[in-house]
Amino acid sequence: MAALDLLGRRWTLRVIWELHRGGAPIGFRDLQRRCDGMSSSVLSTRLGELHEAGIAGSTAQSAWHLTPLGDDLVTAMGPLLDWSHVWAARQ
């Protein structure tokens, strides 16, 4: 339930998606630009939560990336992504 609570928070999945999508570590401002409309305070909070959970980490240059645990999470969400494509096609 704790994982679902974390993932259900506003913007959390978007942050994870953007960290995954880029592949390479990304700076705070660039990540904020990718997450249109997200305030810097919310992004900072979400990154802190993901860092505490071991899903995201930062480099010495303060660039953010997914940890191996975060990469495993993205892999585990693959079937949900597949399902969402089927669902979207029916809309």
N, C-alpha and C. Protein backbone atom coordinates (compact mmCIF):
# COMPACT_ATOMS: atom_id res chain seq x y z
N MET A 1 0.82 -1.19 0.00
CA MET A 1 0.00 0.00 0.00
C MET A 1 0.87 1.26 0.00
N ALA A 2 2.03 1.19 0.64
CA ALA A 2 2.91 2.36 0.67
C ALA A 2 3.37 2.73 -0.74
N ALA A 3 3.67 1.71 -1.55
CA ALA A 3 4.10 1.98 -2.93
C ALA A 3 2.97 2.62 -3.73
N LEU A 4 1.75 2.12 -3.57
CA LEU A 4 0.62 2.71 -4.28
C LEU A 4 0.35 4.13 -3.81
N ASP A 5 0.55 4.39 -2.53
CA ASP A 5 0.39 5.74 -2.01
C ASP A 5 1.40 6.68 -2.68
N LEU A 6 2.65 6.26 -2.73
CA LEU A 6 3.69 7.09 -3.36
C LEU A 6 3.39 7.31 -4.84
N LEU A 7 3.09 6.24 -5.56
CA LEU A 7 2.87 6.35 -7.00
C LEU A 7 1.59 7.10 -7.34
N GLY A 8 0.65 7.14 -6.41
CA GLY A 8 -0.62 7.83 -6.64
C GLY A 8 -0.58 9.32 -6.38
N ARG A 9 0.51 9.81 -5.86
CA ARG A 9 0.62 11.25 -5.60
C ARG A 9 0.75 12.00 -6.92
N ARG A 10 0.14 13.17 -6.94
CA ARG A 10 0.13 13.97 -8.16
C ARG A 10 1.55 14.22 -8.66
N TRP A 11 1.75 14.01 -9.94
CA TRP A 11 2.98 14.22 -10.67
C TRP A 11 4.04 13.14 -10.49
N THR A 12 3.87 12.22 -9.55
CA THR A 12 4.92 11.23 -9.29
C THR A 12 5.20 10.38 -10.53
N LEU A 13 4.17 9.84 -11.15
CA LEU A 13 4.39 9.00 -12.32
C LEU A 13 4.98 9.79 -13.48
N ARG A 14 4.61 11.05 -13.60
CA ARG A 14 5.18 11.89 -14.66
C ARG A 14 6.68 12.09 -14.44
N VAL A 15 7.08 12.33 -13.21
CA VAL A 15 8.49 12.50 -12.90
C VAL A 15 9.26 11.22 -13.24
N ILE A 16 8.71 10.08 -12.82
CA ILE A 16 9.35 8.81 -13.13
C ILE A 16 9.45 8.62 -14.63
N TRP A 17 8.38 8.92 -15.35
CA TRP A 17 8.37 8.76 -16.80
C TRP A 17 9.44 9.63 -17.45
N GLU A 18 9.53 10.88 -17.03
CA GLU A 18 10.51 11.79 -17.63
C GLU A 18 11.94 11.38 -17.30
N LEU A 19 12.18 10.88 -16.10
CA LEU A 19 13.52 10.40 -15.76
C LEU A 19 13.87 9.17 -16.59
N HIS A 20 12.89 8.33 -16.82
CA HIS A 20 13.11 7.13 -17.64
C HIS A 20 13.30 7.48 -19.11
N ARG A 21 12.46 8.36 -19.59
CA ARG A 21 12.44 8.72 -21.01
C ARG A 21 13.76 9.33 -21.46
N GLY A 22 14.35 10.14 -20.64
CA GLY A 22 15.59 10.79 -21.02
C GLY A 22 16.79 9.86 -21.03
N GLY A 23 16.77 8.87 -20.16
CA GLY A 23 17.88 7.92 -20.10
C GLY A 23 19.06 8.44 -19.30
N ALA A 24 19.57 9.59 -19.65
CA ALA A 24 20.73 10.17 -18.96
C ALA A 24 20.24 11.05 -17.81
N PRO A 25 21.07 11.25 -16.80
CA PRO A 25 20.69 12.16 -15.71
C PRO A 25 20.29 13.54 -16.25
N ILE A 26 19.35 14.16 -15.58
CA ILE A 26 18.80 15.44 -16.03
C ILE A 26 18.77 16.42 -14.86
N GLY A 27 19.09 17.66 -15.14
CA GLY A 27 19.07 18.70 -14.13
C GLY A 27 17.64 19.07 -13.71
N PHE A 28 17.53 19.70 -12.57
CA PHE A 28 16.23 20.07 -12.00
C PHE A 28 15.42 20.92 -12.97
N ARG A 29 16.02 21.99 -13.50
CA ARG A 29 15.28 22.92 -14.37
C ARG A 29 14.83 22.23 -15.66
N ASP A 30 15.68 21.41 -16.24
CA ASP A 30 15.28 20.69 -17.45
C ASP A 30 14.15 19.71 -17.15
N LEU A 31 14.22 19.05 -16.01
CA LEU A 31 13.16 18.13 -15.62
C LEU A 31 11.86 18.89 -15.40
N GLN A 32 11.94 20.05 -14.78
CA GLN A 32 10.75 20.87 -14.56
C GLN A 32 10.13 21.29 -15.89
N ARG A 33 10.95 21.64 -16.87
CA ARG A 33 10.43 22.01 -18.20
C ARG A 33 9.71 20.83 -18.85
N ARG A 34 10.25 19.63 -18.68
CA ARG A 34 9.60 18.44 -19.26
C ARG A 34 8.26 18.15 -18.61
N CYS A 35 8.12 18.54 -17.36
CA CYS A 35 6.88 18.30 -16.61
C CYS A 35 6.04 19.57 -16.61
N ASP A 36 5.55 19.97 -17.78
CA ASP A 36 4.84 21.23 -17.94
C ASP A 36 3.85 21.48 -16.81
N GLY A 37 3.92 22.67 -16.29
CA GLY A 37 2.95 23.09 -15.30
C GLY A 37 3.26 22.70 -13.87
N MET A 38 4.34 21.99 -13.62
CA MET A 38 4.67 21.58 -12.25
C MET A 38 5.48 22.68 -11.58
N SER A 39 5.07 23.02 -10.39
CA SER A 39 5.81 24.04 -9.65
C SER A 39 7.13 23.45 -9.15
N SER A 40 8.09 24.32 -8.91
CA SER A 40 9.39 23.86 -8.43
C SER A 40 9.27 23.23 -7.04
N SER A 41 8.35 23.72 -6.21
CA SER A 41 8.20 23.15 -4.87
C SER A 41 7.63 21.73 -4.93
N VAL A 42 6.68 21.49 -5.83
CA VAL A 42 6.12 20.15 -5.97
C VAL A 42 7.18 19.21 -6.54
N LEU A 43 7.92 19.65 -7.54
CA LEU A 43 8.97 18.81 -8.12
C LEU A 43 10.01 18.47 -7.06
N SER A 44 10.40 19.44 -6.29
CA SER A 44 11.38 19.20 -5.23
C SER A 44 10.86 18.17 -4.23
N THR A 45 9.59 18.30 -3.86
CA THR A 45 8.98 17.35 -2.93
C THR A 45 8.94 15.95 -3.52
N ARG A 46 8.49 15.84 -4.77
CA ARG A 46 8.40 14.52 -5.41
C ARG A 46 9.78 13.87 -5.56
N LEU A 47 10.78 14.65 -5.96
CA LEU A 47 12.12 14.10 -6.08
C LEU A 47 12.64 13.63 -4.72
N GLY A 48 12.35 14.39 -3.68
CA GLY A 48 12.76 13.98 -2.34
C GLY A 48 12.10 12.68 -1.93
N GLU A 49 10.81 12.54 -2.23
CA GLU A 49 10.09 11.31 -1.90
C GLU A 49 10.64 10.12 -2.68
N LEU A 50 10.90 10.34 -3.98
CA LEU A 50 11.44 9.26 -4.81
C LEU A 50 12.85 8.90 -4.38
N HIS A 51 13.62 9.88 -3.96
CA HIS A 51 14.97 9.62 -3.46
C HIS A 51 14.91 8.82 -2.17
N GLU A 52 14.05 9.23 -1.26
CA GLU A 52 13.89 8.51 0.02
C GLU A 52 13.44 7.07 -0.20
N ALA A 53 12.62 6.85 -1.23
CA ALA A 53 12.13 5.51 -1.53
C ALA A 53 13.14 4.68 -2.30
N GLY A 54 14.24 5.30 -2.73
CA GLY A 54 15.26 4.56 -3.47
C GLY A 54 14.98 4.44 -4.95
N ILE A 55 14.02 5.20 -5.46
CA ILE A 55 13.61 5.11 -6.86
C ILE A 55 14.40 6.08 -7.74
N ALA A 56 14.77 7.22 -7.18
CA ALA A 56 15.54 8.22 -7.92
C ALA A 56 16.77 8.60 -7.11
N GLY A 57 17.78 9.04 -7.81
CA GLY A 57 19.01 9.49 -7.17
C GLY A 57 19.55 10.69 -7.91
N SER A 58 20.54 11.33 -7.31
CA SER A 58 21.15 12.47 -7.98
C SER A 58 22.66 12.30 -8.03
N THR A 59 23.25 12.89 -9.05
CA THR A 59 24.69 12.83 -9.23
C THR A 59 25.34 13.94 -8.41
N ALA A 60 26.67 13.95 -8.40
CA ALA A 60 27.40 15.01 -7.72
C ALA A 60 27.11 16.37 -8.34
N GLN A 61 26.69 16.38 -9.61
CA GLN A 61 26.35 17.63 -10.30
C GLN A 61 24.86 17.97 -10.15
N SER A 62 24.18 17.30 -9.24
CA SER A 62 22.75 17.54 -8.96
C SER A 62 21.84 17.23 -10.14
N ALA A 63 22.22 16.27 -10.96
CA ALA A 63 21.35 15.79 -12.03
C ALA A 63 20.63 14.54 -11.53
N TRP A 64 19.38 14.41 -11.90
CA TRP A 64 18.53 13.33 -11.40
C TRP A 64 18.45 12.18 -12.38
N HIS A 65 18.29 10.98 -11.85
CA HIS A 65 18.19 9.76 -12.66
C HIS A 65 17.42 8.71 -11.87
N LEU A 66 16.97 7.68 -12.57
CA LEU A 66 16.36 6.54 -11.89
C LEU A 66 17.46 5.64 -11.37
N THR A 67 17.25 5.07 -10.23
CA THR A 67 18.16 4.07 -9.67
C THR A 67 17.82 2.72 -10.31
N PRO A 68 18.62 1.70 -10.06
CA PRO A 68 18.23 0.36 -10.55
C PRO A 68 16.84 -0.05 -10.06
N LEU A 69 16.49 0.32 -8.84
CA LEU A 69 15.15 0.02 -8.32
C LEU A 69 14.10 0.78 -9.13
N GLY A 70 14.39 2.02 -9.51
CA GLY A 70 13.48 2.80 -10.34
C GLY A 70 13.33 2.19 -11.72
N ASP A 71 14.44 1.71 -12.28
CA ASP A 71 14.36 1.03 -13.58
C ASP A 71 13.50 -0.23 -13.48
N ASP A 72 13.64 -0.96 -12.36
CA ASP A 72 12.80 -2.15 -12.15
C ASP A 72 11.33 -1.77 -12.07
N LEU A 73 11.04 -0.63 -11.45
CA LEU A 73 9.66 -0.16 -11.36
C LEU A 73 9.09 0.10 -12.75
N VAL A 74 9.86 0.77 -13.59
CA VAL A 74 9.40 1.05 -14.96
C VAL A 74 9.14 -0.25 -15.71
N THR A 75 10.03 -1.22 -15.55
CA THR A 75 9.84 -2.52 -16.18
C THR A 75 8.56 -3.18 -15.67
N ALA A 76 8.33 -3.11 -14.37
CA ALA A 76 7.14 -3.73 -13.77
C ALA A 76 5.86 -3.05 -14.26
N MET A 77 5.95 -1.78 -14.63
CA MET A 77 4.77 -1.05 -15.10
C MET A 77 4.51 -1.28 -16.59
N GLY A 78 5.39 -2.03 -17.27
CA GLY A 78 5.23 -2.31 -18.70
C GLY A 78 3.87 -2.87 -19.06
N PRO A 79 3.38 -3.89 -18.35
CA PRO A 79 2.05 -4.41 -18.69
C PRO A 79 0.93 -3.37 -18.56
N LEU A 80 1.06 -2.46 -17.61
CA LEU A 80 0.07 -1.39 -17.47
C LEU A 80 0.13 -0.46 -18.68
N LEU A 81 1.32 -0.17 -19.16
CA LEU A 81 1.47 0.65 -20.36
C LEU A 81 0.83 -0.05 -21.56
N ASP A 82 1.08 -1.34 -21.70
CA ASP A 82 0.47 -2.11 -22.79
C ASP A 82 -1.05 -2.04 -22.70
N TRP A 83 -1.58 -2.23 -21.50
CA TRP A 83 -3.03 -2.17 -21.31
C TRP A 83 -3.56 -0.79 -21.66
N SER A 84 -2.82 0.26 -21.30
CA SER A 84 -3.30 1.62 -21.56
C SER A 84 -3.42 1.90 -23.05
N HIS A 85 -2.56 1.29 -23.87
CA HIS A 85 -2.67 1.46 -25.32
C HIS A 85 -3.96 0.83 -25.84
N VAL A 86 -4.29 -0.34 -25.33
CA VAL A 86 -5.55 -1.00 -25.72
C VAL A 86 -6.73 -0.17 -25.28
N TRP A 87 -6.68 0.31 -24.04
CA TRP A 87 -7.77 1.13 -23.50
C TRP A 87 -7.94 2.42 -24.30
N ALA A 88 -6.82 3.10 -24.63
CA ALA A 88 -6.89 4.35 -25.37
C ALA A 88 -7.49 4.14 -26.76
N ALA A 89 -7.21 3.00 -27.38
CA ALA A 89 -7.73 2.73 -28.71
C ALA A 89 -9.25 2.56 -28.70
N ARG A 90 -9.80 2.20 -27.55
CA ARG A 90 -11.25 2.00 -27.45
C ARG A 90 -12.00 3.29 -27.17
N GLN A 91 -11.31 4.32 -26.83
CA GLN A 91 -11.96 5.61 -26.48
C GLN A 91 -12.38 6.38 -27.70
